[in-house]
Amino acid sequence: MNILEITKEEVDWAYEVWGQLIADLTHTDAHKRSRAAQFLAHLAISDSKNKMLDDFPAIWNVMKDEKFVTARHSLQAIWRIGLAGSEQKELVVNQLADRYKNCTDEKNYTLIRFDIIQGLKHLFDEMDDEEVKSLTKQLIDLETDQQYKKKYTSVWK
């Protein structure tokens, strides 16, 4: 938790741990995979070399981990990558929107959708980006179940 708190701001040691965290994304221990994805998402703002643009697919893969809790923790953190710059924001927003639209055949898809809406809200709160807000409202409108539509909408109140 201390590392996550510290990395809410830029740090000068990101590249000292970057390679190990990338390696840990495929570790046999689900906890290591989860922490690596979360730490990398937090370190994105310290990524002056834009390595995240190349490494993003490896982090994204953890969000579809066989262990749902690992996937969910990664999903809940990935929005932070969007804080690193316009390319990163576009990448994250597009991938989250695509996942929202195409996850209905996955187990626990309503939780996945909720986490996506929550992540986009966090991104909006940090960046005050009306495009993110508009896209999120469009995504919520795709929900046909009124119970879940109401739940997703409540995130934005």
C-alpha atoms as a PDB file:
ATOM      1  CA  MET A   1       0.000   0.000   0.000  1.00  0.00           C
ATOM      2  CA  ASN A   2       2.905   2.339   0.719  1.00  0.00           C
ATOM      3  CA  ILE A   3       4.296   1.837  -2.779  1.00  0.00           C
ATOM      4  CA  LEU A   4       0.912   2.567  -4.332  1.00  0.00           C
ATOM      5  CA  GLU A   5       0.650   5.741  -2.281  1.00  0.00           C
ATOM      6  CA  ILE A   6       4.177   6.901  -3.137  1.00  0.00           C
ATOM      7  CA  THR A   7       3.659   6.261  -6.842  1.00  0.00           C
ATOM      8  CA  LYS A   8       0.641   8.540  -7.042  1.00  0.00           C
ATOM      9  CA  GLU A   9       3.344  11.107  -7.761  1.00  0.00           C
ATOM     10  CA  GLU A  10       6.292  10.820 -10.138  1.00  0.00           C
ATOM     11  CA  VAL A  11       9.284   8.887  -8.818  1.00  0.00           C
ATOM     12  CA  ASP A  12      12.841   8.774 -10.133  1.00  0.00           C
ATOM     13  CA  TRP A  13      13.351   5.046  -9.593  1.00  0.00           C
ATOM     14  CA  ALA A  14      10.681   3.659 -11.968  1.00  0.00           C
ATOM     15  CA  TYR A  15      13.137   2.088 -14.402  1.00  0.00           C
ATOM     16  CA  GLU A  16      15.062   0.395 -11.594  1.00  0.00           C
ATOM     17  CA  VAL A  17      12.040  -1.873 -11.025  1.00  0.00           C
ATOM     18  CA  TRP A  18      10.322  -1.741 -14.421  1.00  0.00           C
ATOM     19  CA  GLY A  19      11.938  -4.843 -15.922  1.00  0.00           C
ATOM     20  CA  GLN A  20      11.227  -6.989 -12.874  1.00  0.00           C
ATOM     21  CA  LEU A  21       7.606  -5.844 -12.796  1.00  0.00           C
ATOM     22  CA  ILE A  22       7.192  -6.691 -16.485  1.00  0.00           C
ATOM     23  CA  ALA A  23       8.614 -10.155 -15.781  1.00  0.00           C
ATOM     24  CA  ASP A  24       6.258 -10.570 -12.816  1.00  0.00           C
ATOM     25  CA  LEU A  25       3.218 -10.046 -15.052  1.00  0.00           C
ATOM     26  CA  THR A  26       3.582 -13.692 -16.081  1.00  0.00           C
ATOM     27  CA  HIS A  27       4.758 -15.070 -12.726  1.00  0.00           C
ATOM     28  CA  THR A  28       3.168 -18.293 -11.468  1.00  0.00           C
ATOM     29  CA  ASP A  29       2.049 -16.466  -8.300  1.00  0.00           C
ATOM     30  CA  ALA A  30      -1.201 -14.612  -8.960  1.00  0.00           C
ATOM     31  CA  HIS A  31      -0.415 -12.099  -6.206  1.00  0.00           C
ATOM     32  CA  LYS A  32       2.814 -11.122  -7.955  1.00  0.00           C
ATOM     33  CA  ARG A  33       0.978 -10.742 -11.278  1.00  0.00           C
ATOM     34  CA  SER A  34      -1.619  -8.536  -9.657  1.00  0.00           C
ATOM     35  CA  ARG A  35       0.870  -6.345  -7.802  1.00  0.00           C
ATOM     36  CA  ALA A  36       3.076  -6.001 -10.884  1.00  0.00           C
ATOM     37  CA  ALA A  37       0.166  -4.765 -12.987  1.00  0.00           C
ATOM     38  CA  GLN A  38      -0.942  -2.339 -10.274  1.00  0.00           C
ATOM     39  CA  PHE A  39       2.565  -1.003  -9.687  1.00  0.00           C
ATOM     40  CA  LEU A  40       3.193  -0.524 -13.407  1.00  0.00           C
ATOM     41  CA  ALA A  41      -0.101   1.331 -13.778  1.00  0.00           C
ATOM     42  CA  HIS A  42       0.990   3.651 -10.983  1.00  0.00           C
ATOM     43  CA  LEU A  43       4.484   4.059 -12.421  1.00  0.00           C
ATOM     44  CA  ALA A  44       3.153   5.130 -15.824  1.00  0.00           C
ATOM     45  CA  ILE A  45       3.322   8.798 -14.804  1.00  0.00           C
ATOM     46  CA  SER A  46       7.053   8.312 -14.177  1.00  0.00           C
ATOM     47  CA  ASP A  47       7.630   6.732 -17.599  1.00  0.00           C
ATOM     48  CA  SER A  48       9.470   9.503 -19.455  1.00  0.00           C
ATOM     49  CA  LYS A  49      10.675   6.977 -22.075  1.00  0.00           C
ATOM     50  CA  ASN A  50       7.089   5.933 -22.931  1.00  0.00           C
ATOM     51  CA  LYS A  51       7.880   2.259 -22.382  1.00  0.00           C
ATOM     52  CA  MET A  52       4.268   1.787 -21.348  1.00  0.00           C
ATOM     53  CA  LEU A  53       3.133   2.103 -24.943  1.00  0.00           C
ATOM     54  CA  ASP A  54       5.057  -1.089 -25.764  1.00  0.00           C
ATOM     55  CA  ASP A  55       4.406  -2.859 -22.464  1.00  0.00           C
ATOM     56  CA  PHE A  56       0.684  -2.136 -22.245  1.00  0.00           C
ATOM     57  CA  PRO A  57      -0.420  -5.434 -23.871  1.00  0.00           C
ATOM     58  CA  ALA A  58       1.362  -7.422 -21.158  1.00  0.00           C
ATOM     59  CA  ILE A  59      -0.459  -5.479 -18.448  1.00  0.00           C
ATOM     60  CA  TRP A  60      -3.742  -5.781 -20.332  1.00  0.00           C
ATOM     61  CA  ASN A  61      -3.309  -9.574 -20.377  1.00  0.00           C
ATOM     62  CA  VAL A  62      -3.323  -9.636 -16.579  1.00  0.00           C
ATOM     63  CA  MET A  63      -6.785  -8.083 -16.702  1.00  0.00           C
ATOM     64  CA  LYS A  64      -7.989 -11.332 -18.250  1.00  0.00           C
ATOM     65  CA  ASP A  65      -6.142 -13.489 -15.723  1.00  0.00           C
ATOM     66  CA  GLU A  66      -7.483 -16.942 -14.888  1.00  0.00           C
ATOM     67  CA  LYS A  67      -7.877 -15.782 -11.284  1.00  0.00           C
ATOM     68  CA  PHE A  68     -10.707 -13.275 -11.248  1.00  0.00           C
ATOM     69  CA  VAL A  69      -9.415 -11.349  -8.224  1.00  0.00           C
ATOM     70  CA  THR A  70      -6.062 -10.843  -9.983  1.00  0.00           C
ATOM     71  CA  ALA A  71      -7.802  -9.660 -13.132  1.00  0.00           C
ATOM     72  CA  ARG A  72     -10.083  -7.365 -11.172  1.00  0.00           C
ATOM     73  CA  HIS A  73      -7.307  -5.695  -9.181  1.00  0.00           C
ATOM     74  CA  SER A  74      -5.460  -5.024 -12.420  1.00  0.00           C
ATOM     75  CA  LEU A  75      -8.576  -3.641 -14.063  1.00  0.00           C
ATOM     76  CA  GLN A  76      -9.213  -1.340 -11.119  1.00  0.00           C
ATOM     77  CA  ALA A  77      -5.743   0.200 -11.493  1.00  0.00           C
ATOM     78  CA  ILE A  78      -5.264   0.403 -15.252  1.00  0.00           C
ATOM     79  CA  TRP A  79      -6.972   3.786 -15.613  1.00  0.00           C
ATOM     80  CA  ARG A  80      -3.880   5.348 -14.011  1.00  0.00           C
ATOM     81  CA  ILE A  81      -1.913   4.635 -17.181  1.00  0.00           C
ATOM     82  CA  GLY A  82      -4.095   7.233 -18.873  1.00  0.00           C
ATOM     83  CA  LEU A  83      -2.573   9.927 -16.655  1.00  0.00           C
ATOM     84  CA  ALA A  84       0.819   9.493 -18.338  1.00  0.00           C
ATOM     85  CA  GLY A  85       0.001  11.364 -21.551  1.00  0.00           C
ATOM     86  CA  SER A  86      -2.429  11.709 -24.425  1.00  0.00           C
ATOM     87  CA  GLU A  87      -1.306   8.548 -26.229  1.00  0.00           C
ATOM     88  CA  GLN A  88      -1.571   6.521 -23.046  1.00  0.00           C
ATOM     89  CA  LYS A  89      -4.985   8.011 -22.255  1.00  0.00           C
ATOM     90  CA  GLU A  90      -6.278   7.186 -25.725  1.00  0.00           C
ATOM     91  CA  LEU A  91      -4.927   3.638 -25.473  1.00  0.00           C
ATOM     92  CA  VAL A  92      -6.503   3.015 -22.073  1.00  0.00           C
ATOM     93  CA  VAL A  93      -9.845   4.602 -22.917  1.00  0.00           C
ATOM     94  CA  ASN A  94     -10.150   2.726 -26.211  1.00  0.00           C
ATOM     95  CA  GLN A  95      -9.231  -0.606 -24.647  1.00  0.00           C
ATOM     96  CA  LEU A  96     -11.618  -0.119 -21.730  1.00  0.00           C
ATOM     97  CA  ALA A  97     -14.452   0.854 -24.070  1.00  0.00           C
ATOM     98  CA  ASP A  98     -13.810  -2.206 -26.224  1.00  0.00           C
ATOM     99  CA  ARG A  99     -13.741  -4.471 -23.180  1.00  0.00           C
ATOM    100  CA  TYR A 100     -16.986  -2.968 -21.889  1.00  0.00           C
ATOM    101  CA  LYS A 101     -18.703  -3.623 -25.211  1.00  0.00           C
ATOM    102  CA  ASN A 102     -17.378  -7.164 -25.597  1.00  0.00           C
ATOM    103  CA  CYS A 103     -17.315  -8.687 -22.119  1.00  0.00           C
ATOM    104  CA  THR A 104     -20.917  -9.871 -21.829  1.00  0.00           C
ATOM    105  CA  ASP A 105     -19.917 -13.489 -22.441  1.00  0.00           C
ATOM    106  CA  GLU A 106     -17.422 -13.415 -19.561  1.00  0.00           C
ATOM    107  CA  LYS A 107     -18.149 -14.607 -16.058  1.00  0.00           C
ATOM    108  CA  ASN A 108     -18.849 -11.657 -13.716  1.00  0.00           C
ATOM    109  CA  TYR A 109     -19.207  -9.275 -16.660  1.00  0.00           C
ATOM    110  CA  THR A 110     -21.331  -6.876 -14.602  1.00  0.00           C
ATOM    111  CA  LEU A 111     -18.451  -6.424 -12.156  1.00  0.00           C
ATOM    112  CA  ILE A 112     -16.052  -5.932 -15.054  1.00  0.00           C
ATOM    113  CA  ARG A 113     -18.340  -3.291 -16.507  1.00  0.00           C
ATOM    114  CA  PHE A 114     -18.689  -1.602 -13.123  1.00  0.00           C
ATOM    115  CA  ASP A 115     -14.911  -1.462 -12.701  1.00  0.00           C
ATOM    116  CA  ILE A 116     -14.523  -0.003 -16.188  1.00  0.00           C
ATOM    117  CA  ILE A 117     -17.079   2.714 -15.472  1.00  0.00           C
ATOM    118  CA  GLN A 118     -15.398   3.428 -12.129  1.00  0.00           C
ATOM    119  CA  GLY A 119     -11.957   3.599 -13.758  1.00  0.00           C
ATOM    120  CA  LEU A 120     -13.196   6.019 -16.405  1.00  0.00           C
ATOM    121  CA  LYS A 121     -14.721   8.142 -13.642  1.00  0.00           C
ATOM    122  CA  HIS A 122     -11.382   8.235 -11.832  1.00  0.00           C
ATOM    123  CA  LEU A 123      -9.670   9.257 -15.069  1.00  0.00           C
ATOM    124  CA  PHE A 124     -12.253  11.989 -15.630  1.00  0.00           C
ATOM    125  CA  ASP A 125     -11.860  13.249 -12.052  1.00  0.00           C
ATOM    126  CA  GLU A 126      -8.099  13.563 -12.524  1.00  0.00           C
ATOM    127  CA  MET A 127      -8.144  15.049 -16.031  1.00  0.00           C
ATOM    128  CA  ASP A 128     -11.555  16.737 -16.337  1.00  0.00           C
ATOM    129  CA  ASP A 129     -11.769  15.370 -19.887  1.00  0.00           C
ATOM    130  CA  GLU A 130     -15.251  15.779 -21.355  1.00  0.00           C
ATOM    131  CA  GLU A 131     -14.526  13.165 -24.036  1.00  0.00           C
ATOM    132  CA  VAL A 132     -14.029  10.553 -21.313  1.00  0.00           C
ATOM    133  CA  LYS A 133     -17.298  11.611 -19.696  1.00  0.00           C
ATOM    134  CA  SER A 134     -19.185  11.509 -22.983  1.00  0.00           C
ATOM    135  CA  LEU A 135     -17.813   8.090 -23.914  1.00  0.00           C
ATOM    136  CA  THR A 136     -18.680   6.710 -20.497  1.00  0.00           C
ATOM    137  CA  LYS A 137     -22.266   7.888 -20.808  1.00  0.00           C
ATOM    138  CA  GLN A 138     -22.445   6.201 -24.229  1.00  0.00           C
ATOM    139  CA  LEU A 139     -21.151   2.976 -22.704  1.00  0.00           C
ATOM    140  CA  ILE A 140     -23.677   3.108 -19.871  1.00  0.00           C
ATOM    141  CA  ASP A 141     -26.433   3.611 -22.427  1.00  0.00           C
ATOM    142  CA  LEU A 142     -25.485   0.271 -24.004  1.00  0.00           C
ATOM    143  CA  GLU A 143     -26.589  -1.521 -20.824  1.00  0.00           C
ATOM    144  CA  THR A 144     -30.039  -3.056 -21.328  1.00  0.00           C
ATOM    145  CA  ASP A 145     -30.612  -4.215 -17.747  1.00  0.00           C
ATOM    146  CA  GLN A 146     -32.042  -1.218 -15.900  1.00  0.00           C
ATOM    147  CA  GLN A 147     -30.706  -2.420 -12.531  1.00  0.00           C
ATOM    148  CA  TYR A 148     -27.118  -2.368 -13.779  1.00  0.00           C
ATOM    149  CA  LYS A 149     -27.626   0.768 -15.825  1.00  0.00           C
ATOM    150  CA  LYS A 150     -28.729   2.512 -12.636  1.00  0.00           C
ATOM    151  CA  LYS A 151     -25.739   1.102 -10.729  1.00  0.00           C
ATOM    152  CA  TYR A 152     -23.260   2.275 -13.401  1.00  0.00           C
ATOM    153  CA  THR A 153     -24.926   5.689 -13.611  1.00  0.00           C
ATOM    154  CA  SER A 154     -24.637   6.108  -9.832  1.00  0.00           C
ATOM    155  CA  VAL A 155     -20.845   6.139 -10.158  1.00  0.00           C
ATOM    156  CA  TRP A 156     -21.123   9.458 -12.036  1.00  0.00           C
ATOM    157  CA  LYS A 157     -23.374  11.280  -9.562  1.00  0.00           C
END
